[in-house]
């Protein structure tokens, strides 16, 4: 990532950010996430100056606990490999730390801290009792056998288990961590602790404590938020040409729900390139390639003659009305945003965490593009994780329809909260400001009640 030039922050927010830069050198993703929140809080702190006086910002930007550990494992040739594991328990004011595990070569402390910081506000917006955390490893499961993934997960959990618990810290999946990995992680946790504590991990299989809709939740929730954002503008998704980045769970189920609501999804991607299908992505073929066989997206063009595959490049070269960035952080920068706006973009909903950089967000807002920040629009995943925890605690299971209905209600409530909070603080329609302030105030109230801890 290139060095960023941050806009000046004034007053207490500026002092706090300067200290973040000093104490966390070489962590650009974390700096970006903190700056994006702090620059939104001026109006809130003006109304509530006592929050600044309690050094609340200084405590908020400092993780409660940062864990980094060695993960040795043996590959199928007998060679010993060593990866690095992370867990950042960022803020537990609203409940047990909650946030996914990411297994990807790009994972480092900066990435995990940015994700954990975002998770604080995202989780607060759900209105459910969960704090913010995140973790992962620079291990890459892509191309590894099931046996290798199992050995890595067992080694990873052998260190991490002592920090987890259904009332302490509850991880879930993220990039590179799906049902297979969660199964291996939970199996090792149960083996070590001798407890069948289903609430310690979410994203589990339906036969052993999982929840309906958890797989679909982030993608579905993103589209529910998008639809609500369009509704208040007197618009909908019917007939919209949409592009989705990525082709994992989030992307696939965002495609599914957007198509169900009338959108035409013409492109999606993976790390090797992207496909364009002007007739609309054939979801069943895509699911078979990516979910069933863990294949590469190039195979789609081999099976669908009228589709084309572009190696490398960016899926955001494809013109669209609606953009759903669901891959990774900072995938849409200023020039990319300008290209999309020029070609008729009207709405963006972030399915990934911080996929649009600050320049892109500024351009979207300036052009009147409806923009939903990830901490609001992709909160459906963690919300459904919390619903899974509730089912585990009650030793019960809800139907798909019941869980999906609850998810839809939560996403509409998050949308209303963001919209109302932005209006209350003088910037109507600014979902970034609304999400940041609403999440901040919920966490701040709890932190203040607990005293200086």
Protein backbone atom coordinates (compact mmCIF):
# COMPACT_ATOMS: atom_id res chain seq x y z
CA UNK A 1 0.00 0.00 0.00
CA UNK A 2 1.32 3.45 -0.86
CA UNK A 3 1.93 6.09 1.78
CA UNK A 4 -1.26 8.00 2.43
CA UNK A 5 -1.70 11.72 2.91
CA UNK A 6 -4.39 12.21 5.54
CA UNK A 7 -6.60 15.25 5.81
CA UNK A 8 -5.89 17.35 8.90
CA UNK A 9 -7.87 16.52 11.99
CA UNK A 10 -8.47 19.24 14.52
CA UNK A 11 -8.85 19.39 18.27
CA UNK A 12 -8.97 16.24 20.32
CA UNK A 13 -9.38 13.99 17.26
CA UNK A 14 -6.22 15.46 15.73
CA UNK A 15 -4.20 14.94 18.91
CA UNK A 16 -5.45 11.37 19.19
CA UNK A 17 -4.60 10.56 15.58
CA UNK A 18 -1.10 12.00 15.92
CA UNK A 19 -0.54 9.67 18.85
CA UNK A 20 -1.88 6.71 16.83
CA UNK A 21 0.68 7.46 14.10
CA UNK A 22 3.50 7.74 16.66
CA UNK A 23 2.64 4.56 18.57
CA UNK A 24 1.76 2.39 15.56
CA UNK A 25 4.40 3.03 12.88
CA UNK A 26 4.23 1.11 9.62
CA UNK A 27 0.53 0.22 9.95
CA UNK A 28 -1.15 2.09 7.07
CA UNK A 29 -4.41 0.13 7.03
CA UNK A 30 -4.91 0.75 10.74
CA UNK A 31 -4.09 4.45 10.32
CA UNK A 32 -6.65 4.71 7.52
CA UNK A 33 -9.42 3.03 9.53
CA UNK A 34 -8.81 5.22 12.59
CA UNK A 35 -8.64 8.43 10.54
CA UNK A 36 -11.91 7.60 8.77
CA UNK A 37 -13.70 7.28 12.11
CA UNK A 38 -12.06 10.22 13.88
CA UNK A 39 -12.80 12.68 11.08
CA UNK A 40 -16.52 11.84 11.50
CA UNK A 41 -16.73 12.51 15.22
CA UNK A 42 -16.40 16.30 15.42
CA UNK A 43 -20.13 16.98 15.62
CA UNK A 44 -20.67 14.20 18.19
CA UNK A 45 -17.85 15.44 20.44
CA UNK A 46 -19.16 19.01 20.17
CA UNK A 47 -22.49 17.80 21.57
CA UNK A 48 -20.84 15.52 24.14
CA UNK A 49 -17.55 17.18 25.23
CA UNK A 50 -17.40 15.02 28.36
CA UNK A 51 -16.50 12.07 26.14
CA UNK A 52 -13.29 13.79 25.10
CA UNK A 53 -12.51 14.80 28.69
CA UNK A 54 -12.59 11.14 29.76
CA UNK A 55 -9.78 10.31 27.30
CA UNK A 56 -12.28 8.02 25.64
CA UNK A 57 -10.79 8.40 22.17
CA UNK A 58 -7.35 7.47 23.45
CA UNK A 59 -8.75 4.29 24.98
CA UNK A 60 -10.89 3.51 21.95
CA UNK A 61 -7.95 3.45 19.51
CA UNK A 62 -5.79 1.25 21.74
CA UNK A 63 -6.62 -2.49 21.60
CA UNK A 64 -7.40 -4.11 24.91
CA UNK A 65 -5.20 -7.04 23.90
CA UNK A 66 -2.95 -7.90 20.95
CA UNK A 67 -1.85 -11.49 20.44
CA UNK A 68 0.79 -12.64 17.95
CA UNK A 69 2.11 -16.18 17.91
CA UNK A 70 4.02 -18.80 15.92
CA UNK A 71 2.04 -21.48 14.05
CA UNK A 72 4.23 -24.45 13.06
CA UNK A 73 2.71 -27.20 10.91
CA UNK A 74 3.81 -29.98 8.57
CA UNK A 75 2.92 -30.08 4.87
CA UNK A 76 2.17 -33.24 2.90
CA UNK A 77 5.85 -33.70 1.96
CA UNK A 78 6.85 -33.75 5.63
CA UNK A 79 8.39 -30.27 5.52
CA UNK A 80 7.84 -28.13 8.61
CA UNK A 81 6.29 -24.74 7.81
CA UNK A 82 5.96 -21.73 10.08
CA UNK A 83 3.28 -19.05 9.85
CA UNK A 84 2.31 -16.18 12.09
CA UNK A 85 -1.00 -16.06 13.94
CA UNK A 86 -2.85 -13.00 15.24
CA UNK A 87 -5.81 -12.11 17.42
CA UNK A 88 -6.62 -8.54 18.39
CA UNK A 89 -9.26 -8.22 21.10
CA UNK A 90 -9.98 -4.57 20.46
CA UNK A 91 -12.96 -3.54 22.58
CA UNK A 92 -15.24 -5.60 24.81
CA UNK A 93 -17.47 -2.83 26.18
CA UNK A 94 -20.63 -4.23 24.57
CA UNK A 95 -19.99 -7.94 24.93
CA UNK A 96 -17.51 -10.72 24.15
CA UNK A 97 -15.02 -9.89 21.43
CA UNK A 98 -16.53 -10.89 18.09
CA UNK A 99 -14.91 -10.93 14.67
CA UNK A 100 -13.61 -13.25 12.00
CA UNK A 101 -10.35 -15.04 11.29
CA UNK A 102 -8.68 -14.29 7.95
CA UNK A 103 -6.18 -16.74 6.41
CA UNK A 104 -4.40 -14.93 3.58
CA UNK A 105 -0.77 -14.02 2.72
CA UNK A 106 -1.58 -10.30 3.13
CA UNK A 107 -2.46 -10.67 6.82
CA UNK A 108 -0.25 -8.72 9.20
CA UNK A 109 -0.76 -6.79 12.44
CA UNK A 110 -1.87 -3.62 10.63
CA UNK A 111 -4.55 -5.47 8.66
CA UNK A 112 -5.85 -7.30 11.73
CA UNK A 113 -5.95 -4.07 13.77
CA UNK A 114 -7.81 -2.19 11.04
CA UNK A 115 -10.33 -5.01 10.78
CA UNK A 116 -10.71 -5.20 14.56
CA UNK A 117 -11.19 -1.45 14.87
CA UNK A 118 -13.88 -1.48 12.16
CA UNK A 119 -15.52 -4.40 13.93
CA UNK A 120 -16.11 -2.33 17.09
CA UNK A 121 -18.49 0.02 15.30
CA UNK A 122 -19.99 -2.57 12.99
CA UNK A 123 -20.91 -4.78 15.93
CA UNK A 124 -22.28 -1.82 17.87
CA UNK A 125 -24.56 -0.92 14.95
CA UNK A 126 -26.23 -4.33 15.06
CA UNK A 127 -27.68 -3.48 18.48
CA UNK A 128 -26.61 -6.95 19.69
CA UNK A 129 -24.33 -7.57 22.67
CA UNK A 130 -20.97 -8.11 20.97
CA UNK A 131 -17.62 -6.35 21.21
CA UNK A 132 -15.02 -5.95 18.48
CA UNK A 133 -12.09 -8.21 17.61
CA UNK A 134 -10.35 -9.81 14.65
CA UNK A 135 -7.65 -12.35 13.91
CA UNK A 136 -6.02 -14.57 11.36
CA UNK A 137 -2.77 -15.71 9.83
CA UNK A 138 -0.56 -15.18 6.79
CA UNK A 139 -1.21 -18.84 5.94
CA UNK A 140 -2.69 -19.34 2.45
CA UNK A 141 -5.18 -22.25 2.25
CA UNK A 142 -5.40 -21.89 -1.55
CA UNK A 143 -3.91 -24.97 -3.20
CA UNK A 144 -3.40 -26.80 0.09
CA UNK A 145 -4.84 -30.26 0.70
CA UNK A 146 -7.52 -30.85 3.29
CA UNK A 147 -4.94 -32.63 5.44
CA UNK A 148 -2.58 -29.65 5.32
CA UNK A 149 -5.38 -27.21 6.17
CA UNK A 150 -6.41 -29.46 9.07
CA UNK A 151 -2.88 -29.60 10.49
CA UNK A 152 -2.50 -25.84 10.22
CA UNK A 153 -5.88 -25.18 11.88
CA UNK A 154 -5.07 -27.57 14.71
CA UNK A 155 -1.76 -25.85 15.37
CA UNK A 156 -3.37 -22.41 15.17
CA UNK A 157 -6.10 -23.37 17.66
CA UNK A 158 -3.61 -25.07 20.01
CA UNK A 159 -2.25 -21.61 20.77
CA UNK A 160 -5.41 -19.52 20.41
CA UNK A 161 -7.84 -21.67 22.43
CA UNK A 162 -6.69 -20.29 25.80
CA UNK A 163 -7.95 -16.82 24.82
CA UNK A 164 -11.39 -17.91 23.58
CA UNK A 165 -14.75 -18.67 25.17
CA UNK A 166 -18.43 -18.06 24.51
CA UNK A 167 -18.39 -15.24 27.06
CA UNK A 168 -14.86 -14.05 26.21
CA UNK A 169 -13.93 -14.08 22.52
CA UNK A 170 -15.91 -15.69 19.70
CA UNK A 171 -14.19 -15.88 16.28
CA UNK A 172 -15.88 -16.62 12.96
CA UNK A 173 -14.73 -17.00 9.38
CA UNK A 174 -13.43 -14.39 6.94
CA UNK A 175 -11.33 -14.55 3.77
CA UNK A 176 -9.79 -18.04 3.54
CA UNK A 177 -11.78 -19.37 6.49
CA UNK A 178 -14.99 -21.18 5.56
CA UNK A 179 -16.91 -24.16 6.86
CA UNK A 180 -13.97 -26.55 6.40
CA UNK A 181 -11.60 -24.41 8.46
CA UNK A 182 -14.19 -23.65 11.15
CA UNK A 183 -14.80 -27.40 11.50
CA UNK A 184 -11.12 -28.16 12.03
CA UNK A 185 -10.73 -25.25 14.45
CA UNK A 186 -13.78 -26.26 16.49
CA UNK A 187 -12.71 -29.91 16.56
CA UNK A 188 -9.34 -28.96 18.03
CA UNK A 189 -10.93 -26.58 20.55
CA UNK A 190 -13.27 -29.33 21.74
CA UNK A 191 -10.41 -31.82 21.92
CA UNK A 192 -8.19 -29.52 24.00
CA UNK A 193 -10.84 -28.16 26.37
CA UNK A 194 -13.02 -31.28 26.67
CA UNK A 195 -16.05 -28.99 26.32
CA UNK A 196 -18.72 -29.01 23.61
CA UNK A 197 -18.96 -25.23 23.74
CA UNK A 198 -20.73 -24.49 20.47
CA UNK A 199 -20.91 -20.74 21.18
CA UNK A 200 -17.13 -20.35 20.98
CA UNK A 201 -17.06 -20.19 17.17
CA UNK A 202 -19.66 -19.13 14.62
CA UNK A 203 -20.07 -20.15 11.01
CA UNK A 204 -20.37 -23.79 12.07
CA UNK A 205 -22.10 -26.53 10.08
CA UNK A 206 -25.87 -26.85 10.53
CA UNK A 207 -25.49 -30.33 12.02
CA UNK A 208 -23.23 -29.18 14.84
CA UNK A 209 -24.47 -25.86 16.14
CA UNK A 210 -24.52 -23.67 13.07
CA UNK A 211 -27.25 -21.28 11.98
CA UNK A 212 -29.30 -21.06 8.83
CA UNK A 213 -28.41 -17.99 6.71
CA UNK A 214 -24.94 -17.57 8.27
CA UNK A 215 -23.26 -18.49 4.96
CA UNK A 216 -25.47 -16.10 3.03
CA UNK A 217 -25.71 -13.36 5.66
CA UNK A 218 -22.99 -10.88 4.68
CA UNK A 219 -23.96 -10.86 1.00
CA UNK A 220 -27.70 -10.85 1.68
CA UNK A 221 -27.35 -8.15 4.33
CA UNK A 222 -25.32 -5.94 2.02
CA UNK A 223 -28.07 -6.06 -0.60
CA UNK A 224 -30.80 -5.51 2.01
CA UNK A 225 -28.98 -2.33 3.07
CA UNK A 226 -28.49 -1.28 -0.57
CA UNK A 227 -32.19 -1.82 -1.33
CA UNK A 228 -33.17 0.28 1.68
CA UNK A 229 -30.74 3.02 0.67
CA UNK A 230 -32.29 3.10 -2.81
CA UNK A 231 -35.84 2.95 -1.41
CA UNK A 232 -35.49 6.24 0.49
CA UNK A 233 -34.41 7.78 -2.83
CA UNK A 234 -37.54 6.47 -4.52
CA UNK A 235 -35.52 3.86 -6.46
CA UNK A 236 -34.97 0.09 -6.49
CA UNK A 237 -32.71 -2.58 -8.00
CA UNK A 238 -35.02 -3.63 -10.82
CA UNK A 239 -33.13 -3.59 -14.13
CA UNK A 240 -29.91 -2.23 -12.62
CA UNK A 241 -26.63 -3.35 -14.17
CA UNK A 242 -24.37 -4.44 -11.29
CA UNK A 243 -20.77 -5.51 -10.84
CA UNK A 244 -19.55 -7.49 -7.84
CA UNK A 245 -15.89 -7.97 -6.98
CA UNK A 246 -14.73 -11.28 -5.57
CA UNK A 247 -16.40 -14.67 -5.90
CA UNK A 248 -16.41 -16.08 -2.38
CA UNK A 249 -19.36 -16.41 -0.02
CA UNK A 250 -19.99 -12.68 0.32
CA UNK A 251 -19.88 -12.04 -3.42
CA UNK A 252 -21.90 -15.08 -4.44
CA UNK A 253 -24.74 -14.43 -2.05
CA UNK A 254 -24.74 -10.71 -2.82
CA UNK A 255 -25.19 -11.75 -6.44
CA UNK A 256 -27.98 -14.13 -5.46
CA UNK A 257 -29.96 -11.56 -3.47
CA UNK A 258 -29.36 -8.70 -5.93
CA UNK A 259 -30.57 -10.91 -8.79
CA UNK A 260 -33.62 -11.88 -6.73
CA UNK A 261 -34.43 -8.16 -6.38
CA UNK A 262 -34.18 -7.58 -10.13
CA UNK A 263 -30.57 -6.56 -10.77
CA UNK A 264 -28.51 -7.90 -13.70
CA UNK A 265 -25.07 -8.89 -12.42
CA UNK A 266 -22.66 -8.82 -15.32
CA UNK A 267 -19.21 -9.30 -13.78
CA UNK A 268 -17.32 -10.73 -10.81
CA UNK A 269 -13.72 -11.67 -10.09
CA UNK A 270 -11.10 -13.60 -8.17
CA UNK A 271 -7.38 -13.00 -7.59
CA UNK A 272 -6.51 -14.22 -11.11
CA UNK A 273 -8.85 -11.95 -13.10
CA UNK A 274 -12.50 -11.32 -13.83
CA UNK A 275 -15.37 -12.53 -16.00
CA UNK A 276 -18.00 -10.54 -17.90
CA UNK A 277 -21.35 -12.06 -18.83
CA UNK A 278 -23.66 -9.45 -20.32
CA UNK A 279 -26.60 -11.86 -20.12
CA UNK A 280 -26.15 -12.06 -16.35
CA UNK A 281 -23.88 -14.31 -14.28
CA UNK A 282 -25.16 -17.91 -14.18
CA UNK A 283 -25.16 -18.37 -10.43
CA UNK A 284 -25.40 -22.16 -10.39
CA UNK A 285 -22.30 -22.50 -12.57
CA UNK A 286 -20.44 -19.95 -10.45
CA UNK A 287 -21.40 -21.74 -7.22
CA UNK A 288 -20.23 -25.07 -8.64
CA UNK A 289 -16.86 -23.63 -9.62
CA UNK A 290 -16.15 -21.57 -6.50
CA UNK A 291 -18.06 -23.23 -3.65
CA UNK A 292 -18.13 -26.89 -4.64
CA UNK A 293 -14.78 -27.32 -6.39
CA UNK A 294 -12.78 -24.29 -5.16
CA UNK A 295 -11.80 -23.64 -8.78
CA UNK A 296 -10.66 -20.49 -10.58
CA UNK A 297 -13.08 -18.07 -12.16
CA UNK A 298 -11.52 -18.54 -15.61
CA UNK A 299 -13.43 -21.84 -15.74
CA UNK A 300 -16.69 -19.89 -15.99
CA UNK A 301 -15.77 -18.59 -19.46
CA UNK A 302 -14.86 -22.12 -20.51
CA UNK A 303 -18.34 -23.33 -19.57
CA UNK A 304 -20.34 -20.28 -20.75
CA UNK A 305 -19.42 -19.57 -24.41
CA UNK A 306 -20.77 -16.01 -24.57
CA UNK A 307 -18.86 -14.93 -21.41
CA UNK A 308 -15.33 -13.59 -21.51
CA UNK A 309 -12.48 -13.90 -19.04
CA UNK A 310 -9.92 -11.13 -18.50
CA UNK A 311 -6.70 -12.21 -16.82
CA UNK A 312 -5.43 -9.73 -14.26
CA UNK A 313 -6.79 -6.21 -14.43
CA UNK A 314 -9.67 -4.91 -12.36
CA UNK A 315 -13.32 -5.89 -12.51
CA UNK A 316 -14.05 -2.18 -11.98
CA UNK A 317 -13.11 -1.56 -15.60
CA UNK A 318 -16.63 -2.88 -16.38
CA UNK A 319 -19.27 -0.06 -16.47
CA UNK A 320 -22.19 -0.50 -14.07
CA UNK A 321 -25.05 1.28 -12.32
CA UNK A 322 -24.42 -0.45 -8.99
CA UNK A 323 -21.07 -1.50 -7.50
CA UNK A 324 -20.76 -4.13 -4.78
CA UNK A 325 -17.08 -4.35 -3.77
CA UNK A 326 -16.88 -7.62 -1.86
CA UNK A 327 -13.22 -8.63 -2.21
CA UNK A 328 -10.68 -6.80 -0.06
CA UNK A 329 -9.55 -3.45 1.33
CA UNK A 330 -8.71 -0.48 -0.93
CA UNK A 331 -9.70 -2.18 -4.17
CA UNK A 332 -11.40 1.01 -5.44
CA UNK A 333 -9.17 4.09 -5.45
CA UNK A 334 -9.78 7.63 -6.71
CA UNK A 335 -9.11 7.05 -10.42
CA UNK A 336 -11.22 3.87 -10.37
CA UNK A 337 -14.07 5.73 -8.70
CA UNK A 338 -13.84 8.53 -11.27
CA UNK A 339 -14.04 5.93 -14.08
CA UNK A 340 -17.13 4.34 -12.55
CA UNK A 341 -18.84 7.69 -12.01
CA UNK A 342 -18.11 8.73 -15.60
CA UNK A 343 -19.83 5.56 -16.83
CA UNK A 344 -23.04 6.05 -14.88
CA UNK A 345 -22.50 4.65 -11.38
CA UNK A 346 -25.36 5.55 -9.02
CA UNK A 347 -24.87 3.39 -5.91
CA UNK A 348 -22.12 1.57 -3.98
CA UNK A 349 -22.55 -0.82 -1.06
CA UNK A 350 -19.40 -2.23 0.52
CA UNK A 351 -19.56 -5.98 1.10
CA UNK A 352 -15.88 -6.11 2.07
CA UNK A 353 -14.17 -4.14 4.82
CA UNK A 354 -12.91 -0.73 3.65
CA UNK A 355 -12.78 -1.67 -0.07
CA UNK A 356 -13.06 1.99 -1.13
CA UNK A 357 -10.15 4.26 -0.21
CA UNK A 358 -10.73 7.82 1.11
CA UNK A 359 -10.31 9.43 -2.32
CA UNK A 360 -12.95 7.12 -3.79
CA UNK A 361 -15.41 7.79 -0.96
CA UNK A 362 -14.92 11.55 -1.38
CA UNK A 363 -15.62 11.33 -5.12
CA UNK A 364 -18.73 9.20 -4.59
CA UNK A 365 -20.13 11.68 -2.10
CA UNK A 366 -19.26 14.65 -4.33
CA UNK A 367 -21.00 13.03 -7.33
CA UNK A 368 -24.15 12.21 -5.37
CA UNK A 369 -23.59 8.46 -5.57
CA UNK A 370 -25.44 6.61 -2.81
CA UNK A 371 -22.63 5.15 -0.70
CA UNK A 372 -22.94 2.53 2.06
CA UNK A 373 -19.81 2.00 4.20
CA UNK A 374 -18.86 -1.57 5.07
CA UNK A 375 -19.29 -1.19 8.81
CA UNK A 376 -23.00 -0.68 8.11
CA UNK A 377 -23.70 -2.56 4.87
CA UNK A 378 -21.72 -5.72 5.62
CA UNK A 379 -22.81 -6.02 9.26
CA UNK A 380 -25.25 -8.80 8.33
CA UNK A 381 -22.56 -11.45 8.71
CA UNK A 382 -21.67 -10.63 12.29
CA UNK A 383 -25.33 -9.98 13.13
CA UNK A 384 -26.19 -13.52 12.06
CA UNK A 385 -23.18 -14.79 13.99
CA UNK A 386 -24.72 -13.20 17.07
CA UNK A 387 -28.01 -14.91 16.20
CA UNK A 388 -26.07 -18.19 15.98
CA UNK A 389 -24.64 -17.50 19.45
CA UNK A 390 -28.18 -16.93 20.75
CA UNK A 391 -29.34 -20.25 19.31
CA UNK A 392 -26.31 -22.00 20.82
CA UNK A 393 -27.01 -20.51 24.24
CA UNK A 394 -30.62 -21.73 24.10
CA UNK A 395 -29.63 -25.07 22.50
CA UNK A 396 -32.18 -24.49 19.77
CA UNK A 397 -32.31 -23.83 16.03
CA UNK A 398 -34.36 -21.39 13.96
CA UNK A 399 -35.61 -21.93 10.42
CA UNK A 400 -34.02 -20.31 7.38
CA UNK A 401 -37.05 -18.05 6.90
CA UNK A 402 -37.11 -16.94 10.53
CA UNK A 403 -33.39 -16.17 10.58
CA UNK A 404 -33.50 -14.36 7.24
CA UNK A 405 -36.44 -12.28 8.47
CA UNK A 406 -34.46 -11.28 11.56
CA UNK A 407 -31.47 -10.40 9.37
CA UNK A 408 -33.63 -8.18 7.15
CA UNK A 409 -35.02 -6.40 10.20
CA UNK A 410 -31.53 -5.81 11.62
CA UNK A 411 -30.25 -4.38 8.32
CA UNK A 412 -33.23 -2.05 7.99
CA UNK A 413 -32.67 -0.90 11.59
CA UNK A 414 -28.98 -0.24 10.88
CA UNK A 415 -29.93 1.77 7.80
CA UNK A 416 -32.46 3.84 9.76
CA UNK A 417 -29.96 4.44 12.57
CA UNK A 418 -27.26 5.65 10.16
CA UNK A 419 -29.67 7.90 8.29
CA UNK A 420 -31.18 9.43 11.43
CA UNK A 421 -27.81 9.94 13.13
CA UNK A 422 -26.37 11.70 10.07
CA UNK A 423 -29.37 14.05 9.96
CA UNK A 424 -29.12 14.76 13.70
CA UNK A 425 -25.49 15.76 13.26
CA UNK A 426 -26.02 18.08 10.31
CA UNK A 427 -25.07 15.97 7.29
CA UNK A 428 -28.21 14.31 5.93
CA UNK A 429 -27.62 11.28 3.75
CA UNK A 430 -24.00 10.81 4.84
CA UNK A 431 -24.01 7.13 5.80
CA UNK A 432 -20.31 7.17 6.68
CA UNK A 433 -20.81 9.87 9.29
CA UNK A 434 -24.04 8.29 10.53
CA UNK A 435 -22.50 4.84 10.94
CA UNK A 436 -19.38 6.11 12.68
CA UNK A 437 -21.19 8.37 15.13
CA UNK A 438 -23.97 5.89 15.94
CA UNK A 439 -21.50 3.07 16.56
CA UNK A 440 -19.19 5.34 18.54
CA UNK A 441 -21.95 6.62 20.84
CA UNK A 442 -23.15 3.11 21.70
CA UNK A 443 -19.63 2.02 22.64
CA UNK A 444 -18.86 5.31 24.40
CA UNK A 445 -21.92 5.03 26.66
CA UNK A 446 -20.78 1.59 27.85
CA UNK A 447 -17.16 2.61 28.28
CA UNK A 448 -18.20 5.64 30.31
CA UNK A 449 -20.42 3.52 32.54
CA UNK A 450 -17.53 1.14 33.30
CA UNK A 451 -15.17 3.87 34.47
CA UNK A 452 -11.53 4.10 33.46
CA UNK A 453 -10.78 0.53 32.36
